[in-house]
Amino acid sequence: MKRRITCIECPKGCSLSVDIENCRVVKIDRNECPKGEKYAISEVENPVRVLTATVLTRGLSLNMIPVKTDSPIPKGRISDAMKEIRKTEIAGDVNIGDIIIEDLLGLGVNLIATRGAKR
C-alpha cells in the first residue's frame, strides 16, 4: 500500500511517498533530508501526538484551565487520556507549568497547566 505523508520535521514540508506492508514502512521516496525518513517511520509505525485539552476548575478565576502533555503520547491512547482528564477538577491555585496529572496513564508523561489561575 502506498501512502502520502507531509513531513513536519522541518520547514520544507516534503510530500513523502511511503510504501507500507504489514503496518511497516518498506520504502520512502521524496524526502529531501534524513528527518523525513525518521518522521515517516514514526508516523506509520508508532504515531504520537502532544495532547492539548482543558481541565475544569472549582472556585478559581477561570472556569477551565488549558493543559497539555509535556511529551507526545501514542495516538491510540488519546481517547483514554481524555477520559482521565475529564475526571479531573482543580480547586487550588495553579501556575503555568504546574503538573495537573503526574504520569498520565502510566505513560511517563505529565499533564501540565499552560495558564495560571488564582482563587
PDB file of N, CA and C in Angstrom:
ATOM      1  N   MET A   1       0.836  -1.169   0.000  1.00  0.00           N
ATOM      2  CA  MET A   1       0.000   0.000   0.000  1.00  0.00           C
ATOM      3  C   MET A   1       0.891   1.246   0.000  1.00  0.00           C
ATOM      4  N   LYS A   2       0.505   2.221  -0.789  1.00  0.00           N
ATOM      5  CA  LYS A   2       1.225   3.496  -0.813  1.00  0.00           C
ATOM      6  C   LYS A   2       0.445   4.528  -0.009  1.00  0.00           C
ATOM      7  N   ARG A   3       1.198   5.384   0.681  1.00  0.00           N
ATOM      8  CA  ARG A   3       0.572   6.444   1.458  1.00  0.00           C
ATOM      9  C   ARG A   3       1.387   7.722   1.285  1.00  0.00           C
ATOM     10  N   ARG A   4       0.707   8.833   1.160  1.00  0.00           N
ATOM     11  CA  ARG A   4       1.365  10.137   1.071  1.00  0.00           C
ATOM     12  C   ARG A   4       1.353  10.774   2.455  1.00  0.00           C
ATOM     13  N   ILE A   5       2.499  11.259   2.904  1.00  0.00           N
ATOM     14  CA  ILE A   5       2.623  11.905   4.203  1.00  0.00           C
ATOM     15  C   ILE A   5       3.386  13.206   4.011  1.00  0.00           C
ATOM     16  N   THR A   6       2.898  14.272   4.605  1.00  0.00           N
ATOM     17  CA  THR A   6       3.627  15.531   4.589  1.00  0.00           C
ATOM     18  C   THR A   6       4.480  15.599   5.844  1.00  0.00           C
ATOM     19  N   CYS A   7       5.769  15.687   5.652  1.00  0.00           N
ATOM     20  CA  CYS A   7       6.701  15.733   6.779  1.00  0.00           C
ATOM     21  C   CYS A   7       6.607  17.104   7.461  1.00  0.00           C
ATOM     22  N   ILE A   8       6.611  17.102   8.789  1.00  0.00           N
ATOM     23  CA  ILE A   8       6.532  18.350   9.548  1.00  0.00           C
ATOM     24  C   ILE A   8       7.786  18.582  10.388  1.00  0.00           C
ATOM     25  N   GLU A   9       8.841  17.862  10.106  1.00  0.00           N
ATOM     26  CA  GLU A   9      10.060  17.972  10.902  1.00  0.00           C
ATOM     27  C   GLU A   9      10.894  19.205  10.594  1.00  0.00           C
ATOM     28  N   CYS A  10      10.751  19.770   9.411  1.00  0.00           N
ATOM     29  CA  CYS A  10      11.485  20.991   9.074  1.00  0.00           C
ATOM     30  C   CYS A  10      10.592  21.861   8.190  1.00  0.00           C
ATOM     31  N   PRO A  11      10.983  23.081   7.919  1.00  0.00           N
ATOM     32  CA  PRO A  11      10.123  23.991   7.138  1.00  0.00           C
ATOM     33  C   PRO A  11       9.871  23.583   5.690  1.00  0.00           C
ATOM     34  N   LYS A  12      10.633  22.640   5.155  1.00  0.00           N
ATOM     35  CA  LYS A  12      10.445  22.238   3.754  1.00  0.00           C
ATOM     36  C   LYS A  12       9.078  21.603   3.515  1.00  0.00           C
ATOM     37  N   GLY A  13       8.572  20.826   4.460  1.00  0.00           N
ATOM     38  CA  GLY A  13       7.265  20.172   4.315  1.00  0.00           C
ATOM     39  C   GLY A  13       7.221  19.200   3.158  1.00  0.00           C
ATOM     40  N   CYS A  14       8.220  18.332   3.061  1.00  0.00           N
ATOM     41  CA  CYS A  14       8.295  17.365   1.964  1.00  0.00           C
ATOM     42  C   CYS A  14       7.048  16.486   1.907  1.00  0.00           C
ATOM     43  N   SER A  15       6.578  16.211   0.694  1.00  0.00           N
ATOM     44  CA  SER A  15       5.471  15.294   0.478  1.00  0.00           C
ATOM     45  C   SER A  15       6.072  13.922   0.234  1.00  0.00           C
ATOM     46  N   LEU A  16       6.069  13.094   1.263  1.00  0.00           N
ATOM     47  CA  LEU A  16       6.716  11.790   1.206  1.00  0.00           C
ATOM     48  C   LEU A  16       5.793  10.745   0.603  1.00  0.00           C
ATOM     49  N   SER A  17       6.375   9.848  -0.165  1.00  0.00           N
ATOM     50  CA  SER A  17       5.664   8.696  -0.685  1.00  0.00           C
ATOM     51  C   SER A  17       6.176   7.481   0.095  1.00  0.00           C
ATOM     52  N   VAL A  18       5.272   6.823   0.808  1.00  0.00           N
ATOM     53  CA  VAL A  18       5.672   5.743   1.709  1.00  0.00           C
ATOM     54  C   VAL A  18       4.998   4.443   1.286  1.00  0.00           C
ATOM     55  N   ASP A  19       5.797   3.412   1.081  1.00  0.00           N
ATOM     56  CA  ASP A  19       5.276   2.068   0.811  1.00  0.00           C
ATOM     57  C   ASP A  19       5.179   1.327   2.135  1.00  0.00           C
ATOM     58  N   ILE A  20       3.989   0.749   2.387  1.00  0.00           N
ATOM     59  CA  ILE A  20       3.725   0.072   3.658  1.00  0.00           C
ATOM     60  C   ILE A  20       3.296  -1.360   3.391  1.00  0.00           C
ATOM     61  N   GLU A  21       3.882  -2.279   4.147  1.00  0.00           N
ATOM     62  CA  GLU A  21       3.480  -3.680   4.117  1.00  0.00           C
ATOM     63  C   GLU A  21       3.386  -4.180   5.549  1.00  0.00           C
ATOM     64  N   ASN A  22       2.275  -4.794   5.904  1.00  0.00           N
ATOM     65  CA  ASN A  22       2.052  -5.326   7.252  1.00  0.00           C
ATOM     66  C   ASN A  22       2.316  -4.277   8.328  1.00  0.00           C
ATOM     67  N   CYS A  23       1.800  -3.072   8.116  1.00  0.00           N
ATOM     68  CA  CYS A  23       1.926  -1.953   9.057  1.00  0.00           C
ATOM     69  C   CYS A  23       3.375  -1.526   9.295  1.00  0.00           C
ATOM     70  N   ARG A  24       4.245  -1.832   8.354  1.00  0.00           N
ATOM     71  CA  ARG A  24       5.660  -1.454   8.444  1.00  0.00           C
ATOM     72  C   ARG A  24       6.066  -0.701   7.194  1.00  0.00           C
ATOM     73  N   VAL A  25       6.932   0.289   7.364  1.00  0.00           N
ATOM     74  CA  VAL A  25       7.458   1.046   6.236  1.00  0.00           C
ATOM     75  C   VAL A  25       8.525   0.208   5.548  1.00  0.00           C
ATOM     76  N   VAL A  26       8.374   0.022   4.237  1.00  0.00           N
ATOM     77  CA  VAL A  26       9.369  -0.736   3.481  1.00  0.00           C
ATOM     78  C   VAL A  26      10.163   0.153   2.521  1.00  0.00           C
ATOM     79  N   LYS A  27       9.603   1.326   2.178  1.00  0.00           N
ATOM     80  CA  LYS A  27      10.296   2.223   1.263  1.00  0.00           C
ATOM     81  C   LYS A  27       9.750   3.640   1.421  1.00  0.00           C
ATOM     82  N   ILE A  28      10.676   4.613   1.372  1.00  0.00           N
ATOM     83  CA  ILE A  28      10.293   6.019   1.459  1.00  0.00           C
ATOM     84  C   ILE A  28      10.944   6.758   0.304  1.00  0.00           C
ATOM     85  N   ASP A  29      10.139   7.517  -0.429  1.00  0.00           N
ATOM     86  CA  ASP A  29      10.641   8.332  -1.534  1.00  0.00           C
ATOM     87  C   ASP A  29      10.291   9.790  -1.293  1.00  0.00           C
ATOM     88  N   ARG A  30      11.060  10.668  -1.918  1.00  0.00           N
ATOM     89  CA  ARG A  30      10.809  12.102  -1.980  1.00  0.00           C
ATOM     90  C   ARG A  30      11.168  12.867  -0.717  1.00  0.00           C
ATOM     91  N   ASN A  31      11.874  12.234   0.230  1.00  0.00           N
ATOM     92  CA  ASN A  31      12.337  13.004   1.384  1.00  0.00           C
ATOM     93  C   ASN A  31      13.627  13.721   0.989  1.00  0.00           C
ATOM     94  N   GLU A  32      13.699  15.000   1.332  1.00  0.00           N
ATOM     95  CA  GLU A  32      14.860  15.793   0.960  1.00  0.00           C
ATOM     96  C   GLU A  32      15.916  15.849   2.061  1.00  0.00           C
ATOM     97  N   CYS A  33      15.597  15.321   3.238  1.00  0.00           N
ATOM     98  CA  CYS A  33      16.589  15.270   4.314  1.00  0.00           C
ATOM     99  C   CYS A  33      16.343  14.013   5.149  1.00  0.00           C
ATOM    100  N   PRO A  34      17.303  13.618   5.973  1.00  0.00           N
ATOM    101  CA  PRO A  34      17.142  12.395   6.784  1.00  0.00           C
ATOM    102  C   PRO A  34      15.986  12.457   7.774  1.00  0.00           C
ATOM    103  N   LYS A  35      15.568  13.656   8.154  1.00  0.00           N
ATOM    104  CA  LYS A  35      14.465  13.787   9.112  1.00  0.00           C
ATOM    105  C   LYS A  35      13.167  13.209   8.548  1.00  0.00           C
ATOM    106  N   GLY A  36      12.994  13.303   7.223  1.00  0.00           N
ATOM    107  CA  GLY A  36      11.782  12.801   6.584  1.00  0.00           C
ATOM    108  C   GLY A  36      11.622  11.304   6.754  1.00  0.00           C
ATOM    109  N   GLU A  37      12.704  10.586   6.616  1.00  0.00           N
ATOM    110  CA  GLU A  37      12.658   9.128   6.767  1.00  0.00           C
ATOM    111  C   GLU A  37      12.259   8.756   8.196  1.00  0.00           C
ATOM    112  N   LYS A  38      12.892   9.387   9.169  1.00  0.00           N
ATOM    113  CA  LYS A  38      12.587   9.112  10.577  1.00  0.00           C
ATOM    114  C   LYS A  38      11.120   9.451  10.888  1.00  0.00           C
ATOM    115  N   TYR A  39      10.661  10.598  10.384  1.00  0.00           N
ATOM    116  CA  TYR A  39       9.280  11.023  10.623  1.00  0.00           C
ATOM    117  C   TYR A  39       8.286  10.032  10.015  1.00  0.00           C
ATOM    118  N   ALA A  40       8.510   9.614   8.777  1.00  0.00           N
ATOM    119  CA  ALA A  40       7.594   8.693   8.100  1.00  0.00           C
ATOM    120  C   ALA A  40       7.479   7.375   8.852  1.00  0.00           C
ATOM    121  N   ILE A  41       8.598   6.847   9.286  1.00  0.00           N
ATOM    122  CA  ILE A  41       8.579   5.581  10.025  1.00  0.00           C
ATOM    123  C   ILE A  41       7.786   5.745  11.317  1.00  0.00           C
ATOM    124  N   SER A  42       8.042   6.821  12.044  1.00  0.00           N
ATOM    125  CA  SER A  42       7.327   7.070  13.290  1.00  0.00           C
ATOM    126  C   SER A  42       5.831   7.251  13.046  1.00  0.00           C
ATOM    127  N   GLU A  43       5.478   8.017  12.024  1.00  0.00           N
ATOM    128  CA  GLU A  43       4.067   8.314  11.749  1.00  0.00           C
ATOM    129  C   GLU A  43       3.285   7.069  11.330  1.00  0.00           C
ATOM    130  N   VAL A  44       3.918   6.148  10.655  1.00  0.00           N
ATOM    131  CA  VAL A  44       3.237   4.927  10.212  1.00  0.00           C
ATOM    132  C   VAL A  44       3.250   3.855  11.299  1.00  0.00           C
ATOM    133  N   GLU A  45       4.399   3.641  11.916  1.00  0.00           N
ATOM    134  CA  GLU A  45       4.553   2.515  12.836  1.00  0.00           C
ATOM    135  C   GLU A  45       4.190   2.823  14.285  1.00  0.00           C
ATOM    136  N   ASN A  46       4.347   4.068  14.710  1.00  0.00           N
ATOM    137  CA  ASN A  46       4.037   4.437  16.093  1.00  0.00           C
ATOM    138  C   ASN A  46       3.709   5.923  16.173  1.00  0.00           C
ATOM    139  N   PRO A  47       2.541   6.347  15.648  1.00  0.00           N
ATOM    140  CA  PRO A  47       2.214   7.775  15.657  1.00  0.00           C
ATOM    141  C   PRO A  47       1.984   8.292  17.078  1.00  0.00           C
ATOM    142  N   VAL A  48       2.542   9.463  17.357  1.00  0.00           N
ATOM    143  CA  VAL A  48       2.394  10.103  18.663  1.00  0.00           C
ATOM    144  C   VAL A  48       1.965  11.553  18.483  1.00  0.00           C
ATOM    145  N   ARG A  49       1.312  12.098  19.498  1.00  0.00           N
ATOM    146  CA  ARG A  49       0.842  13.472  19.467  1.00  0.00           C
ATOM    147  C   ARG A  49       0.971  14.099  20.847  1.00  0.00           C
ATOM    148  N   VAL A  50       1.239  15.408  20.888  1.00  0.00           N
ATOM    149  CA  VAL A  50       1.107  16.164  22.120  1.00  0.00           C
ATOM    150  C   VAL A  50      -0.383  16.452  22.260  1.00  0.00           C
ATOM    151  N   LEU A  51      -0.940  16.141  23.410  1.00  0.00           N
ATOM    152  CA  LEU A  51      -2.366  16.316  23.651  1.00  0.00           C
ATOM    153  C   LEU A  51      -2.618  17.643  24.355  1.00  0.00           C
ATOM    154  N   THR A  52      -3.500  18.446  23.811  1.00  0.00           N
ATOM    155  CA  THR A  52      -3.925  19.680  24.470  1.00  0.00           C
ATOM    156  C   THR A  52      -5.400  19.547  24.818  1.00  0.00           C
ATOM    157  N   ALA A  53      -5.763  20.095  25.973  1.00  0.00           N
ATOM    158  CA  ALA A  53      -7.143  19.979  26.443  1.00  0.00           C
ATOM    159  C   ALA A  53      -7.395  21.073  27.478  1.00  0.00           C
ATOM    160  N   THR A  54      -8.514  20.969  28.172  1.00  0.00           N
ATOM    161  CA  THR A  54      -8.821  21.855  29.296  1.00  0.00           C
ATOM    162  C   THR A  54      -9.301  21.007  30.469  1.00  0.00           C
ATOM    163  N   VAL A  55      -9.071  21.531  31.674  1.00  0.00           N
ATOM    164  CA  VAL A  55      -9.495  20.854  32.897  1.00  0.00           C
ATOM    165  C   VAL A  55     -10.417  21.800  33.654  1.00  0.00           C
ATOM    166  N   LEU A  56     -11.514  21.276  34.161  1.00  0.00           N
ATOM    167  CA  LEU A  56     -12.462  22.073  34.940  1.00  0.00           C
ATOM    168  C   LEU A  56     -11.826  22.559  36.238  1.00  0.00           C
ATOM    169  N   THR A  57     -12.276  23.727  36.711  1.00  0.00           N
ATOM    170  CA  THR A  57     -11.814  24.251  37.995  1.00  0.00           C
ATOM    171  C   THR A  57     -13.023  24.503  38.893  1.00  0.00           C
ATOM    172  N   ARG A  58     -12.742  24.658  40.171  1.00  0.00           N
ATOM    173  CA  ARG A  58     -13.794  24.986  41.138  1.00  0.00           C
ATOM    174  C   ARG A  58     -13.277  26.121  42.021  1.00  0.00           C
ATOM    175  N   GLY A  59     -13.959  27.266  41.976  1.00  0.00           N
ATOM    176  CA  GLY A  59     -13.598  28.384  42.834  1.00  0.00           C
ATOM    177  C   GLY A  59     -12.394  29.192  42.377  1.00  0.00           C
ATOM    178  N   LEU A  60     -11.995  29.060  41.124  1.00  0.00           N
ATOM    179  CA  LEU A  60     -10.855  29.821  40.606  1.00  0.00           C
ATOM    180  C   LEU A  60     -11.334  30.937  39.675  1.00  0.00           C
ATOM    181  N   SER A  61     -10.410  31.803  39.299  1.00  0.00           N
ATOM    182  CA  SER A  61     -10.749  32.931  38.430  1.00  0.00           C
ATOM    183  C   SER A  61     -11.139  32.493  37.016  1.00  0.00           C
ATOM    184  N   LEU A  62     -10.774  31.306  36.623  1.00  0.00           N
ATOM    185  CA  LEU A  62     -11.167  30.740  35.327  1.00  0.00           C
ATOM    186  C   LEU A  62     -11.992  29.483  35.560  1.00  0.00           C
ATOM    187  N   ASN A  63     -12.963  29.228  34.702  1.00  0.00           N
ATOM    188  CA  ASN A  63     -13.774  28.006  34.825  1.00  0.00           C
ATOM    189  C   ASN A  63     -13.042  26.775  34.337  1.00  0.00           C
ATOM    190  N   MET A  64     -12.088  26.987  33.422  1.00  0.00           N
ATOM    191  CA  MET A  64     -11.299  25.883  32.873  1.00  0.00           C
ATOM    192  C   MET A  64      -9.858  26.350  32.717  1.00  0.00           C
ATOM    193  N   ILE A  65      -8.926  25.416  32.871  1.00  0.00           N
ATOM    194  CA  ILE A  65      -7.502  25.704  32.710  1.00  0.00           C
ATOM    195  C   ILE A  65      -6.997  24.928  31.486  1.00  0.00           C
ATOM    196  N   PRO A  66      -6.322  25.600  30.556  1.00  0.00           N
ATOM    197  CA  PRO A  66      -5.733  24.868  29.431  1.00  0.00           C
ATOM    198  C   PRO A  66      -4.539  24.045  29.904  1.00  0.00           C
ATOM    199  N   VAL A  67      -4.434  22.841  29.364  1.00  0.00           N
ATOM    200  CA  VAL A  67      -3.363  21.913  29.743  1.00  0.00           C
ATOM    201  C   VAL A  67      -2.803  21.236  28.493  1.00  0.00           C
ATOM    202  N   LYS A  68      -1.623  20.637  28.645  1.00  0.00           N
ATOM    203  CA  LYS A  68      -1.042  19.833  27.565  1.00  0.00           C
ATOM    204  C   LYS A  68      -0.121  18.792  28.175  1.00  0.00           C
ATOM    205  N   THR A  69       0.150  17.756  27.404  1.00  0.00           N
ATOM    206  CA  THR A  69       1.125  16.772  27.851  1.00  0.00           C
ATOM    207  C   THR A  69       2.512  17.349  27.626  1.00  0.00           C
ATOM    208  N   ASP A  70       3.448  17.012  28.521  1.00  0.00           N
ATOM    209  CA  ASP A  70       4.794  17.555  28.376  1.00  0.00           C
ATOM    210  C   ASP A  70       5.643  16.786  27.368  1.00  0.00           C
ATOM    211  N   SER A  71       5.113  15.701  26.856  1.00  0.00           N
ATOM    212  CA  SER A  71       5.733  14.906  25.788  1.00  0.00           C
ATOM    213  C   SER A  71       4.617  14.276  24.963  1.00  0.00           C
ATOM    214  N   PRO A  72       4.927  13.848  23.753  1.00  0.00           N
ATOM    215  CA  PRO A  72       3.888  13.187  22.954  1.00  0.00           C
ATOM    216  C   PRO A  72       3.464  11.852  23.576  1.00  0.00           C
ATOM    217  N   ILE A  73       2.207  11.486  23.317  1.00  0.00           N
ATOM    218  CA  ILE A  73       1.692  10.182  23.741  1.00  0.00           C
ATOM    219  C   ILE A  73       1.243   9.419  22.505  1.00  0.00           C
ATOM    220  N   PRO A  74       1.147   8.081  22.601  1.00  0.00           N
ATOM    221  CA  PRO A  74       0.679   7.316  21.446  1.00  0.00           C
ATOM    222  C   PRO A  74      -0.711   7.786  21.004  1.00  0.00           C
ATOM    223  N   LYS A  75      -0.876   7.953  19.713  1.00  0.00           N
ATOM    224  CA  LYS A  75      -2.139   8.443  19.149  1.00  0.00           C
ATOM    225  C   LYS A  75      -3.316   7.560  19.566  1.00  0.00           C
ATOM    226  N   GLY A  76      -3.094   6.277  19.680  1.00  0.00           N
ATOM    227  CA  GLY A  76      -4.140   5.340  20.066  1.00  0.00           C
ATOM    228  C   GLY A  76      -4.581   5.463  21.521  1.00  0.00           C
ATOM    229  N   ARG A  77      -3.838   6.212  22.338  1.00  0.00           N
ATOM    230  CA  ARG A  77      -4.193   6.370  23.754  1.00  0.00           C
ATOM    231  C   ARG A  77      -4.842   7.722  24.055  1.00  0.00           C
ATOM    232  N   ILE A  78      -5.045   8.550  23.030  1.00  0.00           N
ATOM    233  CA  ILE A  78      -5.624   9.882  23.245  1.00  0.00           C
ATOM    234  C   ILE A  78      -7.018   9.793  23.863  1.00  0.00           C
ATOM    235  N   SER A  79      -7.847   8.895  23.391  1.00  0.00           N
ATOM    236  CA  SER A  79      -9.192   8.747  23.937  1.00  0.00           C
ATOM    237  C   SER A  79      -9.143   8.375  25.420  1.00  0.00           C
ATOM    238  N   ASP A  80      -8.278   7.447  25.790  1.00  0.00           N
ATOM    239  CA  ASP A  80      -8.125   7.056  27.197  1.00  0.00           C
ATOM    240  C   ASP A  80      -7.634   8.235  28.031  1.00  0.00           C
ATOM    241  N   ALA A  81      -6.704   8.988  27.492  1.00  0.00           N
ATOM    242  CA  ALA A  81      -6.177  10.149  28.207  1.00  0.00           C
ATOM    243  C   ALA A  81      -7.274  11.186  28.436  1.00  0.00           C
ATOM    244  N   MET A  82      -8.103  11.418  27.429  1.00  0.00           N
ATOM    245  CA  MET A  82      -9.189  12.385  27.568  1.00  0.00           C
ATOM    246  C   MET A  82     -10.197  11.935  28.628  1.00  0.00           C
ATOM    247  N   LYS A  83     -10.471  10.650  28.725  1.00  0.00           N
ATOM    248  CA  LYS A  83     -11.372  10.152  29.773  1.00  0.00           C
ATOM    249  C   LYS A  83     -10.807  10.470  31.153  1.00  0.00           C
ATOM    250  N   GLU A  84      -9.511  10.303  31.313  1.00  0.00           N
ATOM    251  CA  GLU A  84      -8.856  10.597  32.588  1.00  0.00           C
ATOM    252  C   GLU A  84      -8.874  12.097  32.879  1.00  0.00           C
ATOM    253  N   ILE A  85      -8.626  12.903  31.870  1.00  0.00           N
ATOM    254  CA  ILE A  85      -8.625  14.360  32.029  1.00  0.00           C
ATOM    255  C   ILE A  85     -10.011  14.855  32.424  1.00  0.00           C
ATOM    256  N   ARG A  86     -11.061  14.285  31.826  1.00  0.00           N
ATOM    257  CA  ARG A  86     -12.437  14.707  32.139  1.00  0.00           C
ATOM    258  C   ARG A  86     -12.820  14.448  33.600  1.00  0.00           C
ATOM    259  N   LYS A  87     -12.152  13.492  34.246  1.00  0.00           N
ATOM    260  CA  LYS A  87     -12.430  13.187  35.652  1.00  0.00           C
ATOM    261  C   LYS A  87     -11.754  14.179  36.603  1.00  0.00           C
ATOM    262  N   THR A  88     -10.865  14.994  36.080  1.00  0.00           N
ATOM    263  CA  THR A  88     -10.030  15.870  36.903  1.00  0.00           C
ATOM    264  C   THR A  88     -10.683  17.228  37.101  1.00  0.00           C
ATOM    265  N   GLU A  89     -10.562  17.754  38.338  1.00  0.00           N
ATOM    266  CA  GLU A  89     -11.043  19.087  38.662  1.00  0.00           C
ATOM    267  C   GLU A  89     -10.000  19.750  39.560  1.00  0.00           C
ATOM    268  N   ILE A  90      -9.704  21.019  39.282  1.00  0.00           N
ATOM    269  CA  ILE A  90      -8.697  21.758  40.037  1.00  0.00           C
ATOM    270  C   ILE A  90      -9.405  22.711  40.988  1.00  0.00           C
ATOM    271  N   ALA A  91      -9.012  22.687  42.270  1.00  0.00           N
ATOM    272  CA  ALA A  91      -9.639  23.559  43.258  1.00  0.00           C
ATOM    273  C   ALA A  91      -8.659  24.589  43.826  1.00  0.00           C
ATOM    274  N   GLY A  92      -7.357  24.354  43.697  1.00  0.00           N
ATOM    275  CA  GLY A  92      -6.367  25.270  44.257  1.00  0.00           C
ATOM    276  C   GLY A  92      -5.697  26.111  43.189  1.00  0.00           C
ATOM    277  N   ASP A  93      -4.954  27.125  43.636  1.00  0.00           N
ATOM    278  CA  ASP A  93      -4.235  27.992  42.711  1.00  0.00           C
ATOM    279  C   ASP A  93      -3.340  27.180  41.773  1.00  0.00           C
ATOM    280  N   VAL A  94      -3.243  27.651  40.532  1.00  0.00           N
ATOM    281  CA  VAL A  94      -2.457  26.961  39.509  1.00  0.00           C
ATOM    282  C   VAL A  94      -1.530  27.972  38.839  1.00  0.00           C
ATOM    283  N   ASN A  95      -0.297  27.558  38.618  1.00  0.00           N
ATOM    284  CA  ASN A  95       0.677  28.359  37.869  1.00  0.00           C
ATOM    285  C   ASN A  95       1.016  27.656  36.575  1.00  0.00           C
ATOM    286  N   ILE A  96       1.473  28.410  35.597  1.00  0.00           N
ATOM    287  CA  ILE A  96       1.921  27.813  34.337  1.00  0.00           C
ATOM    288  C   ILE A  96       3.024  26.804  34.646  1.00  0.00           C
ATOM    289  N   GLY A  97       2.908  25.628  34.070  1.00  0.00           N
ATOM    290  CA  GLY A  97       3.909  24.581  34.256  1.00  0.00           C
ATOM    291  C   GLY A  97       3.621  23.630  35.402  1.00  0.00           C
ATOM    292  N   ASP A  98       2.621  23.934  36.238  1.00  0.00           N
ATOM    293  CA  ASP A  98       2.264  23.019  37.326  1.00  0.00           C
ATOM    294  C   ASP A  98       1.796  21.688  36.750  1.00  0.00           C
ATOM    295  N   ILE A  99       2.174  20.613  37.404  1.00  0.00           N
ATOM    296  CA  ILE A  99       1.723  19.284  36.986  1.00  0.00           C
ATOM    297  C   ILE A  99       0.303  19.072  37.502  1.00  0.00           C
ATOM    298  N   ILE A 100      -0.607  18.811  36.590  1.00  0.00           N
ATOM    299  CA  ILE A 100      -2.006  18.581  36.937  1.00  0.00           C
ATOM    300  C   ILE A 100      -2.249  17.084  37.142  1.00  0.00           C
ATOM    301  N   ILE A 101      -1.707  16.262  36.251  1.00  0.00           N
ATOM    302  CA  ILE A 101      -1.749  14.801  36.401  1.00  0.00           C
ATOM    303  C   ILE A 101      -0.337  14.283  36.157  1.00  0.00           C
ATOM    304  N   GLU A 102       0.224  13.631  37.145  1.00  0.00           N
ATOM    305  CA  GLU A 102       1.558  13.054  37.014  1.00  0.00           C
ATOM    306  C   GLU A 102       1.455  11.647  36.416  1.00  0.00           C
ATOM    307  N   ASP A 103       2.362  11.330  35.513  1.00  0.00           N
ATOM    308  CA  ASP A 103       2.440  10.016  34.872  1.00  0.00           C
ATOM    309  C   ASP A 103       1.075   9.586  34.310  1.00  0.00           C
ATOM    310  N   LEU A 104       0.542  10.405  33.428  1.00  0.00           N
ATOM    311  CA  LEU A 104      -0.757  10.164  32.801  1.00  0.00           C
ATOM    312  C   LEU A 104      -0.807   8.772  32.170  1.00  0.00           C
ATOM    313  N   LEU A 105      -1.744   7.959  32.602  1.00  0.00           N
ATOM    314  CA  LEU A 105      -1.976   6.595  32.101  1.00  0.00           C
ATOM    315  C   LEU A 105      -0.748   5.683  32.232  1.00  0.00           C
ATOM    316  N   GLY A 106       0.175   6.046  33.103  1.00  0.00           N
ATOM    317  CA  GLY A 106       1.386   5.245  33.261  1.00  0.00           C
ATOM    318  C   GLY A 106       2.322   5.339  32.060  1.00  0.00           C
ATOM    319  N   LEU A 107       2.177   6.393  31.280  1.00  0.00           N
ATOM    320  CA  LEU A 107       2.982   6.568  30.064  1.00  0.00           C
ATOM    321  C   LEU A 107       4.285   7.322  30.317  1.00  0.00           C
ATOM    322  N   GLY A 108       4.489   7.778  31.564  1.00  0.00           N
ATOM    323  CA  GLY A 108       5.685   8.554  31.863  1.00  0.00           C
ATOM    324  C   GLY A 108       5.595   9.990  31.369  1.00  0.00           C
ATOM    325  N   VAL A 109       4.379  10.452  31.122  1.00  0.00           N
ATOM    326  CA  VAL A 109       4.120  11.798  30.602  1.00  0.00           C
ATOM    327  C   VAL A 109       3.245  12.532  31.609  1.00  0.00           C
ATOM    328  N   ASN A 110       3.583  13.793  31.863  1.00  0.00           N
ATOM    329  CA  ASN A 110       2.788  14.603  32.780  1.00  0.00           C
ATOM    330  C   ASN A 110       1.850  15.517  32.002  1.00  0.00           C
ATOM    331  N   LEU A 111       0.695  15.794  32.618  1.00  0.00           N
ATOM    332  CA  LEU A 111      -0.227  16.786  32.080  1.00  0.00           C
ATOM    333  C   LEU A 111       0.056  18.071  32.844  1.00  0.00           C
ATOM    334  N   ILE A 112       0.412  19.137  32.126  1.00  0.00           N
ATOM    335  CA  ILE A 112       0.804  20.382  32.779  1.00  0.00           C
ATOM    336  C   ILE A 112      -0.118  21.540  32.395  1.00  0.00           C
ATOM    337  N   ALA A 113      -0.227  22.511  33.298  1.00  0.00           N
ATOM    338  CA  ALA A 113      -1.038  23.703  33.051  1.00  0.00           C
ATOM    339  C   ALA A 113      -0.291  24.635  32.096  1.00  0.00           C
ATOM    340  N   THR A 114      -1.021  25.217  31.158  1.00  0.00           N
ATOM    341  CA  THR A 114      -0.409  26.168  30.237  1.00  0.00           C
ATOM    342  C   THR A 114      -0.894  27.598  30.509  1.00  0.00           C
ATOM    343  N   ARG A 115      -1.663  27.764  31.587  1.00  0.00           N
ATOM    344  CA  ARG A 115      -2.090  29.078  32.041  1.00  0.00           C
ATOM    345  C   ARG A 115      -2.360  28.984  33.543  1.00  0.00           C
ATOM    346  N   GLY A 116      -2.135  30.053  34.236  1.00  0.00           N
ATOM    347  CA  GLY A 116      -2.363  30.072  35.661  1.00  0.00           C
ATOM    348  C   GLY A 116      -3.719  30.637  36.022  1.00  0.00           C
ATOM    349  N   ALA A 117      -4.153  30.368  37.247  1.00  0.00           N
ATOM    350  CA  ALA A 117      -5.409  30.912  37.774  1.00  0.00           C
ATOM    351  C   ALA A 117      -5.336  30.921  39.291  1.00  0.00           C
ATOM    352  N   LYS A 118      -5.973  31.926  39.886  1.00  0.00           N
ATOM    353  CA  LYS A 118      -5.990  32.063  41.349  1.00  0.00           C
ATOM    354  C   LYS A 118      -7.433  32.027  41.852  1.00  0.00           C
ATOM    355  N   ARG A 119      -7.571  31.881  43.135  1.00  0.00           N
ATOM    356  CA  ARG A 119      -8.893  31.894  43.772  1.00  0.00           C
ATOM    357  C   ARG A 119      -9.491  33.273  43.727  1.00  0.00           C
TER     358      ARG A 119
END
